[in-house]
Amino acid sequence: MIARSNFVLIILLLASNFAFAQKDVPAKESAPDVPDAIAVPAGLEPVLFARGAGSATYTCQAGPDGKFAWTPKAPEADLKDRKDKVIGQHSAGPTWTLKDGSQVTGKPVAHVDSLDSESVPWLLVDVTSNSGKGVLANVTKIQRVHTVGGMPPDYGCDASHKGDETKSKYTADYYFFAPAK
């Protein structure tokens, strides 16, 4: 009788340890619902979600037509996980760098207007370079979605302000995709 109750106790302890271990395993990310224009191709799965919060810097420059306009220079944003913990930075390149030592640089290849006309577009980004051995090591695509803010002002850029810079606060959700395992 004692042996049987010890056996049951061991099974219950193992089951509870398994349940606690499962609780610590991060949930698998789900891809956001996006228009087809910025959808990722089949065979890729999201490996990381990060909320970017910071500012977009713009420079007043003349375009090929001689007209002045605010031109994107660089983002400066913290990247946070779902628990609001800073996990990295988003900067010029555009580049995303995580505290785990991994980094990607990309090139926007498609966009759709944000649902809010005063917010920067949603993007699909092709990764052009990876470094480090962390989460971003195998990332090939990035989506920027759910943007709020980030647009330059519609005033203050003319010949007398050539080279001036302005910053605009923004937030966005970034989904990082790698080949499915």
N, C-alpha and C. Protein backbone atom coordinates (compact mmCIF):
# COMPACT_ATOMS: atom_id res chain seq x y z
N MET A 1 0.83 -1.19 0.00
CA MET A 1 0.00 0.00 0.00
C MET A 1 0.87 1.26 0.00
N ILE A 2 1.93 1.23 0.78
CA ILE A 2 2.83 2.39 0.83
C ILE A 2 3.52 2.58 -0.51
N ALA A 3 3.97 1.50 -1.12
CA ALA A 3 4.63 1.59 -2.41
C ALA A 3 3.70 2.19 -3.45
N ARG A 4 2.43 1.76 -3.44
CA ARG A 4 1.47 2.28 -4.42
C ARG A 4 1.22 3.78 -4.19
N SER A 5 1.07 4.23 -2.96
CA SER A 5 0.84 5.65 -2.69
C SER A 5 2.08 6.47 -3.05
N ASN A 6 3.28 5.92 -2.84
CA ASN A 6 4.50 6.63 -3.27
C ASN A 6 4.53 6.77 -4.78
N PHE A 7 4.12 5.71 -5.48
CA PHE A 7 4.08 5.73 -6.93
C PHE A 7 3.10 6.83 -7.42
N VAL A 8 1.94 6.89 -6.82
CA VAL A 8 0.94 7.90 -7.19
C VAL A 8 1.48 9.30 -6.89
N LEU A 9 2.14 9.46 -5.76
CA LEU A 9 2.71 10.75 -5.40
C LEU A 9 3.77 11.18 -6.42
N ILE A 10 4.61 10.25 -6.83
CA ILE A 10 5.65 10.55 -7.82
C ILE A 10 5.02 10.96 -9.14
N ILE A 11 3.99 10.25 -9.58
CA ILE A 11 3.29 10.60 -10.83
C ILE A 11 2.69 11.99 -10.73
N LEU A 12 2.06 12.31 -9.60
CA LEU A 12 1.47 13.64 -9.43
C LEU A 12 2.54 14.73 -9.44
N LEU A 13 3.67 14.49 -8.81
CA LEU A 13 4.77 15.47 -8.81
C LEU A 13 5.31 15.67 -10.22
N LEU A 14 5.51 14.59 -10.95
CA LEU A 14 6.00 14.71 -12.32
C LEU A 14 5.00 15.48 -13.19
N ALA A 15 3.73 15.18 -13.03
CA ALA A 15 2.70 15.87 -13.81
C ALA A 15 2.68 17.36 -13.49
N SER A 16 2.80 17.72 -12.23
CA SER A 16 2.79 19.14 -11.88
C SER A 16 4.05 19.84 -12.38
N ASN A 17 5.20 19.16 -12.32
CA ASN A 17 6.42 19.75 -12.86
C ASN A 17 6.30 19.97 -14.37
N PHE A 18 5.70 19.02 -15.07
CA PHE A 18 5.49 19.14 -16.50
C PHE A 18 4.57 20.33 -16.80
N ALA A 19 3.53 20.49 -16.02
CA ALA A 19 2.60 21.60 -16.21
C ALA A 19 3.30 22.94 -16.00
N PHE A 20 4.15 23.05 -14.97
CA PHE A 20 4.89 24.29 -14.73
C PHE A 20 5.88 24.53 -15.86
N ALA A 21 6.55 23.48 -16.33
CA ALA A 21 7.51 23.62 -17.42
C ALA A 21 6.80 24.10 -18.68
N GLN A 22 5.62 23.58 -18.98
CA GLN A 22 4.86 23.99 -20.15
C GLN A 22 4.45 25.46 -20.04
N LYS A 23 4.16 25.91 -18.83
CA LYS A 23 3.75 27.29 -18.62
C LYS A 23 4.88 28.25 -18.99
N ASP A 24 6.15 27.84 -18.80
CA ASP A 24 7.28 28.70 -19.09
C ASP A 24 7.66 28.72 -20.56
N VAL A 25 7.14 27.79 -21.35
CA VAL A 25 7.44 27.75 -22.78
C VAL A 25 6.65 28.88 -23.45
N PRO A 26 7.36 29.77 -24.20
CA PRO A 26 6.63 30.87 -24.83
C PRO A 26 5.63 30.36 -25.85
N ALA A 27 4.51 31.03 -25.92
CA ALA A 27 3.48 30.66 -26.89
C ALA A 27 4.00 30.94 -28.30
N LYS A 28 3.61 30.11 -29.23
CA LYS A 28 4.02 30.31 -30.61
C LYS A 28 3.30 31.54 -31.14
N GLU A 29 4.03 32.40 -31.85
CA GLU A 29 3.45 33.61 -32.41
C GLU A 29 2.49 33.27 -33.55
N SER A 30 1.48 34.08 -33.71
CA SER A 30 0.57 33.97 -34.84
C SER A 30 0.83 35.16 -35.76
N ALA A 31 0.76 34.93 -37.05
CA ALA A 31 0.94 36.01 -38.01
C ALA A 31 -0.24 36.98 -37.92
N PRO A 32 0.01 38.28 -38.10
CA PRO A 32 -1.10 39.23 -38.07
C PRO A 32 -1.95 39.12 -39.33
N ASP A 33 -3.16 39.58 -39.25
CA ASP A 33 -4.05 39.62 -40.40
C ASP A 33 -3.70 40.88 -41.19
N VAL A 34 -3.21 40.70 -42.42
CA VAL A 34 -2.76 41.85 -43.22
C VAL A 34 -3.29 41.74 -44.64
N PRO A 35 -3.31 42.87 -45.37
CA PRO A 35 -3.67 42.82 -46.79
C PRO A 35 -2.66 41.96 -47.58
N ASP A 36 -3.13 41.39 -48.68
CA ASP A 36 -2.28 40.52 -49.50
C ASP A 36 -0.98 41.19 -49.93
N ALA A 37 -0.99 42.50 -50.16
CA ALA A 37 0.19 43.21 -50.65
C ALA A 37 1.40 43.09 -49.72
N ILE A 38 1.16 42.89 -48.42
CA ILE A 38 2.29 42.77 -47.49
C ILE A 38 2.30 41.41 -46.78
N ALA A 39 1.59 40.44 -47.34
CA ALA A 39 1.58 39.09 -46.76
C ALA A 39 2.93 38.41 -47.01
N VAL A 40 3.36 37.57 -46.08
CA VAL A 40 4.60 36.83 -46.28
C VAL A 40 4.30 35.56 -47.07
N PRO A 41 5.28 35.09 -47.84
CA PRO A 41 5.04 33.88 -48.63
C PRO A 41 4.90 32.63 -47.76
N ALA A 42 4.28 31.62 -48.34
CA ALA A 42 4.13 30.33 -47.64
C ALA A 42 5.52 29.80 -47.28
N GLY A 43 5.55 29.03 -46.21
CA GLY A 43 6.81 28.42 -45.77
C GLY A 43 7.54 29.22 -44.71
N LEU A 44 7.01 30.38 -44.37
CA LEU A 44 7.60 31.19 -43.30
C LEU A 44 6.65 31.23 -42.12
N GLU A 45 7.23 31.34 -40.92
CA GLU A 45 6.42 31.45 -39.71
C GLU A 45 6.97 32.56 -38.83
N PRO A 46 6.09 33.23 -38.08
CA PRO A 46 6.58 34.29 -37.19
C PRO A 46 7.37 33.68 -36.04
N VAL A 47 8.56 34.24 -35.78
CA VAL A 47 9.40 33.75 -34.68
C VAL A 47 9.53 34.78 -33.57
N LEU A 48 9.09 36.01 -33.83
CA LEU A 48 9.20 37.05 -32.81
C LEU A 48 8.20 38.17 -33.10
N PHE A 49 7.61 38.69 -32.02
CA PHE A 49 6.80 39.90 -32.04
C PHE A 49 7.54 40.93 -31.22
N ALA A 50 7.58 42.16 -31.70
CA ALA A 50 8.14 43.26 -30.90
C ALA A 50 7.35 44.52 -31.18
N ARG A 51 7.06 45.27 -30.12
CA ARG A 51 6.39 46.57 -30.24
C ARG A 51 7.48 47.63 -30.28
N GLY A 52 7.50 48.41 -31.36
CA GLY A 52 8.45 49.51 -31.47
C GLY A 52 7.80 50.78 -30.97
N ALA A 53 8.54 51.54 -30.17
CA ALA A 53 8.05 52.82 -29.67
C ALA A 53 9.21 53.80 -29.66
N GLY A 54 9.05 54.90 -30.39
CA GLY A 54 10.13 55.88 -30.45
C GLY A 54 9.75 57.00 -31.39
N SER A 55 10.71 57.38 -32.26
CA SER A 55 10.45 58.47 -33.19
C SER A 55 11.08 58.18 -34.55
N ALA A 56 10.49 58.80 -35.55
CA ALA A 56 11.02 58.76 -36.92
C ALA A 56 11.59 60.14 -37.20
N THR A 57 12.83 60.19 -37.68
CA THR A 57 13.48 61.45 -38.00
C THR A 57 13.37 61.70 -39.50
N TYR A 58 13.04 62.93 -39.86
CA TYR A 58 12.92 63.36 -41.26
C TYR A 58 13.84 64.56 -41.49
N THR A 59 14.37 64.67 -42.73
CA THR A 59 15.22 65.78 -43.14
C THR A 59 14.53 66.52 -44.28
N CYS A 60 14.59 67.83 -44.25
CA CYS A 60 14.01 68.66 -45.31
C CYS A 60 14.99 68.68 -46.48
N GLN A 61 14.56 68.14 -47.63
CA GLN A 61 15.42 68.05 -48.81
C GLN A 61 14.62 68.36 -50.07
N ALA A 62 15.35 68.80 -51.10
CA ALA A 62 14.74 69.01 -52.41
C ALA A 62 14.71 67.68 -53.14
N GLY A 63 13.59 67.40 -53.78
CA GLY A 63 13.46 66.19 -54.59
C GLY A 63 13.99 66.42 -55.99
N PRO A 64 13.96 65.39 -56.84
CA PRO A 64 14.43 65.52 -58.23
C PRO A 64 13.69 66.62 -59.00
N ASP A 65 12.45 66.89 -58.58
CA ASP A 65 11.66 67.92 -59.25
C ASP A 65 11.93 69.32 -58.69
N GLY A 66 12.84 69.42 -57.69
CA GLY A 66 13.18 70.71 -57.09
C GLY A 66 12.27 71.11 -55.95
N LYS A 67 11.20 70.37 -55.73
CA LYS A 67 10.28 70.68 -54.63
C LYS A 67 10.82 70.10 -53.32
N PHE A 68 10.65 70.86 -52.25
CA PHE A 68 11.13 70.42 -50.94
C PHE A 68 10.09 69.57 -50.23
N ALA A 69 10.58 68.56 -49.53
CA ALA A 69 9.70 67.68 -48.77
C ALA A 69 10.50 67.02 -47.65
N TRP A 70 9.78 66.59 -46.62
CA TRP A 70 10.41 65.85 -45.53
C TRP A 70 10.74 64.44 -46.04
N THR A 71 12.01 64.06 -45.92
CA THR A 71 12.50 62.76 -46.39
C THR A 71 12.88 61.91 -45.18
N PRO A 72 12.46 60.65 -45.15
CA PRO A 72 12.83 59.80 -44.00
C PRO A 72 14.34 59.68 -43.85
N LYS A 73 14.81 59.82 -42.62
CA LYS A 73 16.24 59.67 -42.33
C LYS A 73 16.48 58.39 -41.54
N ALA A 74 15.82 58.27 -40.38
CA ALA A 74 16.07 57.08 -39.55
C ALA A 74 15.05 56.97 -38.43
N PRO A 75 14.69 55.73 -38.07
CA PRO A 75 13.89 55.52 -36.87
C PRO A 75 14.82 55.41 -35.65
N GLU A 76 14.29 55.72 -34.51
CA GLU A 76 14.98 55.51 -33.23
C GLU A 76 13.92 54.99 -32.28
N ALA A 77 13.93 53.68 -32.05
CA ALA A 77 12.85 53.12 -31.24
C ALA A 77 13.34 51.96 -30.38
N ASP A 78 12.73 51.85 -29.20
CA ASP A 78 12.92 50.66 -28.37
C ASP A 78 12.02 49.57 -28.92
N LEU A 79 12.50 48.34 -28.86
CA LEU A 79 11.68 47.17 -29.19
C LEU A 79 11.33 46.48 -27.89
N LYS A 80 10.04 46.25 -27.67
CA LYS A 80 9.59 45.62 -26.43
C LYS A 80 8.83 44.35 -26.73
N ASP A 81 8.92 43.37 -25.81
CA ASP A 81 8.18 42.12 -25.96
C ASP A 81 6.76 42.31 -25.46
N ARG A 82 5.99 41.24 -25.44
CA ARG A 82 4.59 41.32 -25.03
C ARG A 82 4.41 41.66 -23.55
N LYS A 83 5.50 41.53 -22.77
CA LYS A 83 5.44 41.88 -21.34
C LYS A 83 5.98 43.29 -21.10
N ASP A 84 6.19 44.06 -22.18
CA ASP A 84 6.67 45.44 -22.14
C ASP A 84 8.13 45.56 -21.70
N LYS A 85 8.89 44.48 -21.84
CA LYS A 85 10.32 44.48 -21.51
C LYS A 85 11.12 44.85 -22.76
N VAL A 86 12.05 45.80 -22.62
CA VAL A 86 12.88 46.19 -23.76
C VAL A 86 13.79 45.03 -24.13
N ILE A 87 13.69 44.62 -25.42
CA ILE A 87 14.49 43.49 -25.90
C ILE A 87 15.47 43.91 -26.99
N GLY A 88 15.39 45.17 -27.43
CA GLY A 88 16.31 45.61 -28.48
C GLY A 88 16.01 47.01 -28.96
N GLN A 89 16.60 47.34 -30.12
CA GLN A 89 16.49 48.68 -30.70
C GLN A 89 16.21 48.59 -32.19
N HIS A 90 15.54 49.61 -32.71
CA HIS A 90 15.30 49.77 -34.15
C HIS A 90 15.97 51.07 -34.54
N SER A 91 16.80 51.04 -35.60
CA SER A 91 17.58 52.21 -35.97
C SER A 91 17.76 52.29 -37.48
N ALA A 92 18.61 53.24 -37.91
CA ALA A 92 18.86 53.46 -39.34
C ALA A 92 19.31 52.18 -40.01
N GLY A 93 18.98 52.07 -41.24
CA GLY A 93 19.35 50.89 -42.03
C GLY A 93 18.26 50.51 -43.02
N PRO A 94 17.04 50.21 -42.63
CA PRO A 94 16.59 50.02 -41.25
C PRO A 94 17.18 48.74 -40.65
N THR A 95 17.52 48.84 -39.35
CA THR A 95 18.16 47.75 -38.63
C THR A 95 17.40 47.49 -37.34
N TRP A 96 17.29 46.21 -37.00
CA TRP A 96 16.70 45.76 -35.74
C TRP A 96 17.77 44.96 -35.02
N THR A 97 18.10 45.37 -33.78
CA THR A 97 19.15 44.73 -32.99
C THR A 97 18.56 44.27 -31.66
N LEU A 98 18.74 43.00 -31.35
CA LEU A 98 18.23 42.46 -30.09
C LEU A 98 19.34 42.33 -29.07
N LYS A 99 18.96 42.32 -27.79
CA LYS A 99 19.92 42.15 -26.71
C LYS A 99 20.59 40.78 -26.73
N ASP A 100 20.01 39.81 -27.45
CA ASP A 100 20.62 38.48 -27.54
C ASP A 100 21.80 38.45 -28.51
N GLY A 101 22.11 39.60 -29.13
CA GLY A 101 23.25 39.70 -30.03
C GLY A 101 22.91 39.53 -31.51
N SER A 102 21.66 39.22 -31.82
CA SER A 102 21.29 39.06 -33.22
C SER A 102 20.82 40.39 -33.79
N GLN A 103 21.01 40.51 -35.12
CA GLN A 103 20.67 41.76 -35.79
C GLN A 103 20.27 41.46 -37.24
N VAL A 104 19.31 42.23 -37.75
CA VAL A 104 18.95 42.17 -39.16
C VAL A 104 18.85 43.58 -39.72
N THR A 105 19.17 43.68 -41.00
CA THR A 105 18.97 44.91 -41.75
C THR A 105 18.08 44.55 -42.92
N GLY A 106 17.20 45.47 -43.30
CA GLY A 106 16.26 45.13 -44.34
C GLY A 106 16.00 46.25 -45.32
N LYS A 107 15.17 45.89 -46.30
CA LYS A 107 14.77 46.83 -47.34
C LYS A 107 13.27 46.68 -47.56
N PRO A 108 12.50 47.76 -47.39
CA PRO A 108 11.06 47.66 -47.65
C PRO A 108 10.79 47.28 -49.11
N VAL A 109 9.88 46.31 -49.30
CA VAL A 109 9.56 45.86 -50.66
C VAL A 109 8.09 46.05 -51.01
N ALA A 110 7.25 46.30 -50.02
CA ALA A 110 5.82 46.53 -50.27
C ALA A 110 5.24 47.32 -49.10
N HIS A 111 4.18 48.08 -49.39
CA HIS A 111 3.51 48.82 -48.32
C HIS A 111 2.02 48.95 -48.63
N VAL A 112 1.27 49.20 -47.57
CA VAL A 112 -0.14 49.56 -47.69
C VAL A 112 -0.36 50.71 -46.71
N ASP A 113 -1.31 51.57 -47.06
CA ASP A 113 -1.62 52.68 -46.17
C ASP A 113 -2.10 52.15 -44.82
N SER A 114 -1.73 52.85 -43.77
CA SER A 114 -2.22 52.53 -42.43
C SER A 114 -3.72 52.78 -42.39
N LEU A 115 -4.39 52.15 -41.46
CA LEU A 115 -5.82 52.38 -41.27
C LEU A 115 -6.08 53.82 -40.82
N ASP A 116 -5.06 54.45 -40.23
CA ASP A 116 -5.12 55.83 -39.77
C ASP A 116 -4.28 56.68 -40.73
N SER A 117 -4.88 57.63 -41.40
CA SER A 117 -4.17 58.43 -42.41
C SER A 117 -3.03 59.27 -41.83
N GLU A 118 -2.99 59.42 -40.53
CA GLU A 118 -1.92 60.20 -39.91
C GLU A 118 -0.81 59.30 -39.36
N SER A 119 -0.80 58.04 -39.81
CA SER A 119 0.21 57.09 -39.35
C SER A 119 0.99 56.55 -40.54
N VAL A 120 2.26 56.20 -40.29
CA VAL A 120 3.11 55.67 -41.36
C VAL A 120 2.52 54.37 -41.91
N PRO A 121 2.82 54.06 -43.17
CA PRO A 121 2.27 52.85 -43.80
C PRO A 121 2.72 51.57 -43.10
N TRP A 122 1.97 50.52 -43.35
CA TRP A 122 2.36 49.17 -42.96
C TRP A 122 3.33 48.69 -44.04
N LEU A 123 4.32 47.89 -43.64
CA LEU A 123 5.36 47.46 -44.57
C LEU A 123 5.60 45.96 -44.57
N LEU A 124 6.13 45.48 -45.69
CA LEU A 124 6.76 44.18 -45.79
C LEU A 124 8.22 44.48 -46.10
N VAL A 125 9.11 43.92 -45.31
CA VAL A 125 10.54 44.18 -45.44
C VAL A 125 11.27 42.87 -45.75
N ASP A 126 12.14 42.91 -46.78
CA ASP A 126 13.03 41.78 -47.04
C ASP A 126 14.30 41.99 -46.22
N VAL A 127 14.73 40.97 -45.51
CA VAL A 127 15.98 41.05 -44.76
C VAL A 127 17.13 40.92 -45.76
N THR A 128 18.08 41.87 -45.69
CA THR A 128 19.22 41.86 -46.60
C THR A 128 20.49 41.37 -45.93
N SER A 129 20.51 41.40 -44.58
CA SER A 129 21.67 40.84 -43.86
C SER A 129 21.26 40.45 -42.45
N ASN A 130 21.87 39.37 -41.98
CA ASN A 130 21.66 38.86 -40.61
C ASN A 130 23.03 38.76 -39.95
N SER A 131 23.07 38.97 -38.65
CA SER A 131 24.30 38.69 -37.89
C SER A 131 23.91 38.23 -36.49
N GLY A 132 24.83 37.53 -35.86
CA GLY A 132 24.58 36.99 -34.53
C GLY A 132 23.87 35.66 -34.59
N LYS A 133 23.79 35.01 -33.42
CA LYS A 133 23.20 33.67 -33.35
C LYS A 133 21.90 33.64 -32.56
N GLY A 134 21.29 34.78 -32.33
CA GLY A 134 20.06 34.82 -31.54
C GLY A 134 18.82 34.61 -32.38
N VAL A 135 17.71 35.15 -31.89
CA VAL A 135 16.39 34.95 -32.49
C VAL A 135 16.33 35.40 -33.95
N LEU A 136 17.05 36.45 -34.30
CA LEU A 136 16.96 37.01 -35.65
C LEU A 136 17.88 36.32 -36.66
N ALA A 137 18.63 35.33 -36.25
CA ALA A 137 19.64 34.70 -37.11
C ALA A 137 19.08 34.17 -38.43
N ASN A 138 17.86 33.63 -38.42
CA ASN A 138 17.29 33.03 -39.63
C ASN A 138 16.12 33.83 -40.21
N VAL A 139 15.89 35.03 -39.70
CA VAL A 139 14.77 35.85 -40.16
C VAL A 139 15.02 36.31 -41.60
N THR A 140 13.96 36.20 -42.44
CA THR A 140 14.06 36.61 -43.83
C THR A 140 13.06 37.70 -44.21
N LYS A 141 12.00 37.86 -43.43
CA LYS A 141 10.97 38.88 -43.71
C LYS A 141 10.53 39.52 -42.40
N ILE A 142 10.10 40.78 -42.51
CA ILE A 142 9.57 41.52 -41.36
C ILE A 142 8.31 42.24 -41.82
N GLN A 143 7.29 42.24 -40.98
CA GLN A 143 6.10 43.06 -41.24
C GLN A 143 6.03 44.15 -40.17
N ARG A 144 5.77 45.38 -40.62
CA ARG A 144 5.47 46.49 -39.71
C ARG A 144 3.99 46.77 -39.87
N VAL A 145 3.23 46.60 -38.78
CA VAL A 145 1.78 46.76 -38.83
C VAL A 145 1.28 47.54 -37.60
N HIS A 146 0.01 47.85 -37.60
CA HIS A 146 -0.65 48.52 -36.46
C HIS A 146 0.09 49.81 -36.07
N THR A 147 0.46 50.59 -37.08
CA THR A 147 1.22 51.81 -36.83
C THR A 147 0.34 52.91 -36.26
N VAL A 148 0.95 53.73 -35.40
CA VAL A 148 0.30 54.90 -34.84
C VAL A 148 1.31 56.04 -34.89
N GLY A 149 0.98 57.10 -35.63
CA GLY A 149 1.86 58.26 -35.73
C GLY A 149 3.01 58.01 -36.70
N GLY A 150 4.05 58.85 -36.54
CA GLY A 150 5.26 58.68 -37.33
C GLY A 150 5.33 59.47 -38.62
N MET A 151 4.27 60.17 -39.00
CA MET A 151 4.28 60.94 -40.24
C MET A 151 4.97 62.29 -40.00
N PRO A 152 5.65 62.82 -41.04
CA PRO A 152 6.26 64.14 -40.89
C PRO A 152 5.17 65.22 -40.93
N PRO A 153 5.50 66.42 -40.46
CA PRO A 153 4.50 67.49 -40.55
C PRO A 153 4.27 67.85 -42.02
N ASP A 154 3.14 68.46 -42.32
CA ASP A 154 2.87 68.86 -43.70
C ASP A 154 3.21 70.34 -43.92
N TYR A 155 4.09 70.86 -43.10
CA TYR A 155 4.52 72.26 -43.20
C TYR A 155 5.98 72.36 -42.77
N GLY A 156 6.59 73.51 -43.03
CA GLY A 156 7.92 73.82 -42.50
C GLY A 156 9.09 73.30 -43.31
N CYS A 157 8.85 72.78 -44.51
CA CYS A 157 9.96 72.30 -45.33
C CYS A 157 9.95 73.07 -46.65
N ASP A 158 10.90 74.00 -46.78
CA ASP A 158 11.07 74.78 -48.01
C ASP A 158 12.56 75.12 -48.13
N ALA A 159 12.92 75.88 -49.14
CA ALA A 159 14.34 76.18 -49.39
C ALA A 159 15.02 76.81 -48.18
N SER A 160 14.29 77.60 -47.41
CA SER A 160 14.90 78.26 -46.25
C SER A 160 15.13 77.29 -45.09
N HIS A 161 14.56 76.07 -45.18
CA HIS A 161 14.72 75.06 -44.13
C HIS A 161 15.50 73.83 -44.60
N LYS A 162 16.16 73.97 -45.77
CA LYS A 162 16.93 72.85 -46.33
C LYS A 162 17.89 72.29 -45.28
N GLY A 163 17.84 70.97 -45.08
CA GLY A 163 18.72 70.30 -44.12
C GLY A 163 18.17 70.23 -42.70
N ASP A 164 17.09 70.96 -42.43
CA ASP A 164 16.48 70.88 -41.10
C ASP A 164 15.95 69.47 -40.84
N GLU A 165 15.88 69.11 -39.57
CA GLU A 165 15.33 67.80 -39.20
C GLU A 165 14.15 67.99 -38.26
N THR A 166 13.26 67.02 -38.30
CA THR A 166 12.12 66.98 -37.39
C THR A 166 11.91 65.53 -36.97
N LYS A 167 11.35 65.34 -35.79
CA LYS A 167 11.06 64.00 -35.29
C LYS A 167 9.57 63.86 -35.06
N SER A 168 9.09 62.66 -35.32
CA SER A 168 7.67 62.37 -35.13
C SER A 168 7.55 61.07 -34.34
N LYS A 169 6.84 61.11 -33.24
CA LYS A 169 6.67 59.93 -32.39
C LYS A 169 5.81 58.89 -33.11
N TYR A 170 6.15 57.61 -32.87
CA TYR A 170 5.34 56.54 -33.46
C TYR A 170 5.42 55.27 -32.63
N THR A 171 4.46 54.39 -32.86
CA THR A 171 4.52 53.01 -32.37
C THR A 171 4.14 52.12 -33.54
N ALA A 172 4.63 50.90 -33.51
CA ALA A 172 4.32 49.91 -34.54
C ALA A 172 4.57 48.53 -33.98
N ASP A 173 3.87 47.56 -34.52
CA ASP A 173 4.12 46.16 -34.19
C ASP A 173 4.98 45.57 -35.30
N TYR A 174 6.03 44.86 -34.90
CA TYR A 174 6.93 44.20 -35.85
C TYR A 174 6.81 42.70 -35.66
N TYR A 175 6.62 41.99 -36.77
CA TYR A 175 6.62 40.53 -36.76
C TYR A 175 7.79 40.06 -37.60
N PHE A 176 8.61 39.20 -37.04
CA PHE A 176 9.80 38.70 -37.70
C PHE A 176 9.55 37.25 -38.13
N PHE A 177 9.81 36.95 -39.41
CA PHE A 177 9.49 35.64 -39.98
C PHE A 177 10.76 34.91 -40.41
N ALA A 178 10.77 33.60 -40.19
CA ALA A 178 11.87 32.73 -40.59
C ALA A 178 11.27 31.48 -41.24
N PRO A 179 12.09 30.71 -41.98
CA PRO A 179 11.57 29.47 -42.55
C PRO A 179 10.97 28.57 -41.48
N ALA A 180 9.81 27.98 -41.81
CA ALA A 180 9.12 27.08 -40.87
C ALA A 180 9.99 25.85 -40.61
N LYS A 181 9.93 25.40 -39.37
CA LYS A 181 10.73 24.22 -38.99
C LYS A 181 9.93 22.96 -39.13
